[in-house]
Amino acid sequence: MKTEVNTTRDIEAFINESPELAEARENGVDLWALWHNLHRSYAERLRRHDIALSLRRKLQKAKKKL
């Protein structure tokens, strides 16, 4: 399996060569989002996670007030 990917076509070929990734895509996994997330730094992934977690907590708190 080709491991160096540089273009959209390369990424699609990489995904399509793997039965596991093809199955994940069929089951609704957004492989493009996963791909781009894994290319972010660890610190950036944590920062985005903290933002999402904070938003979820705010939404839960707002829902309780209804």
Protein backbone atom coordinates (compact mmCIF):
# COMPACT_ATOMS: atom_id res chain seq x y z
CA MET A 1 0.00 0.00 0.00
CA LYS A 2 1.32 3.45 -0.93
CA THR A 3 2.10 5.50 2.18
CA GLU A 4 3.19 8.84 0.73
CA VAL A 5 0.21 10.87 -0.43
CA ASN A 6 0.35 14.41 -1.73
CA THR A 7 -2.77 15.03 -3.77
CA THR A 8 -6.48 14.40 -3.56
CA ARG A 9 -6.08 11.59 -6.07
CA ASP A 10 -3.33 10.02 -3.91
CA ILE A 11 -5.53 10.17 -0.81
CA GLU A 12 -8.47 8.61 -2.64
CA ALA A 13 -6.22 5.84 -4.00
CA PHE A 14 -4.81 5.21 -0.51
CA ILE A 15 -8.32 4.94 0.96
CA ASN A 16 -9.63 2.73 -1.85
CA GLU A 17 -6.68 0.31 -1.58
CA SER A 18 -7.59 -0.52 2.01
CA PRO A 19 -10.63 -2.74 2.57
CA GLU A 20 -10.86 -1.46 6.15
CA LEU A 21 -10.92 2.20 5.11
CA ALA A 22 -13.36 1.50 2.29
CA GLU A 23 -15.66 -0.26 4.79
CA ALA A 24 -15.33 2.64 7.25
CA ARG A 25 -16.33 5.06 4.50
CA GLU A 26 -19.35 2.90 3.62
CA ASN A 27 -20.35 2.98 7.30
CA GLY A 28 -20.34 6.76 7.33
CA VAL A 29 -16.89 7.63 8.69
CA ASP A 30 -15.72 10.97 7.28
CA LEU A 31 -12.24 9.92 6.25
CA TRP A 32 -11.41 13.37 4.90
CA ALA A 33 -12.09 14.97 8.29
CA LEU A 34 -10.05 12.26 9.98
CA TRP A 35 -7.20 12.68 7.50
CA HIS A 36 -7.03 16.44 7.99
CA ASN A 37 -7.34 16.16 11.76
CA LEU A 38 -4.42 13.72 11.94
CA HIS A 39 -2.26 16.19 10.04
CA ARG A 40 -2.79 18.86 12.70
CA SER A 41 -0.33 19.15 15.54
CA TYR A 42 -1.13 17.46 18.82
CA ALA A 43 -1.56 20.87 20.47
CA GLU A 44 -4.01 22.00 17.77
CA ARG A 45 -6.08 18.82 18.12
CA LEU A 46 -6.26 19.34 21.89
CA ARG A 47 -7.20 23.00 21.46
CA ARG A 48 -10.05 22.07 19.08
CA HIS A 49 -11.20 19.33 21.43
CA ASP A 50 -11.33 21.79 24.33
CA ILE A 51 -13.40 24.21 22.25
CA ALA A 52 -15.86 21.46 21.30
CA LEU A 53 -16.09 20.22 24.89
CA SER A 54 -16.73 23.72 26.18
CA LEU A 55 -19.49 24.25 23.62
CA ARG A 56 -21.11 20.93 24.53
CA ARG A 57 -21.14 21.87 28.21
CA LYS A 58 -22.70 25.25 27.42
CA LEU A 59 -25.39 23.60 25.32
CA GLN A 60 -26.17 21.06 28.05
CA LYS A 61 -26.43 23.86 30.61
CA ALA A 62 -28.75 25.85 28.33
CA LYS A 63 -30.92 22.77 27.75
CA LYS A 64 -31.34 22.26 31.51
CA LYS A 65 -32.65 25.83 31.85
CA LEU A 66 -35.50 25.15 29.38
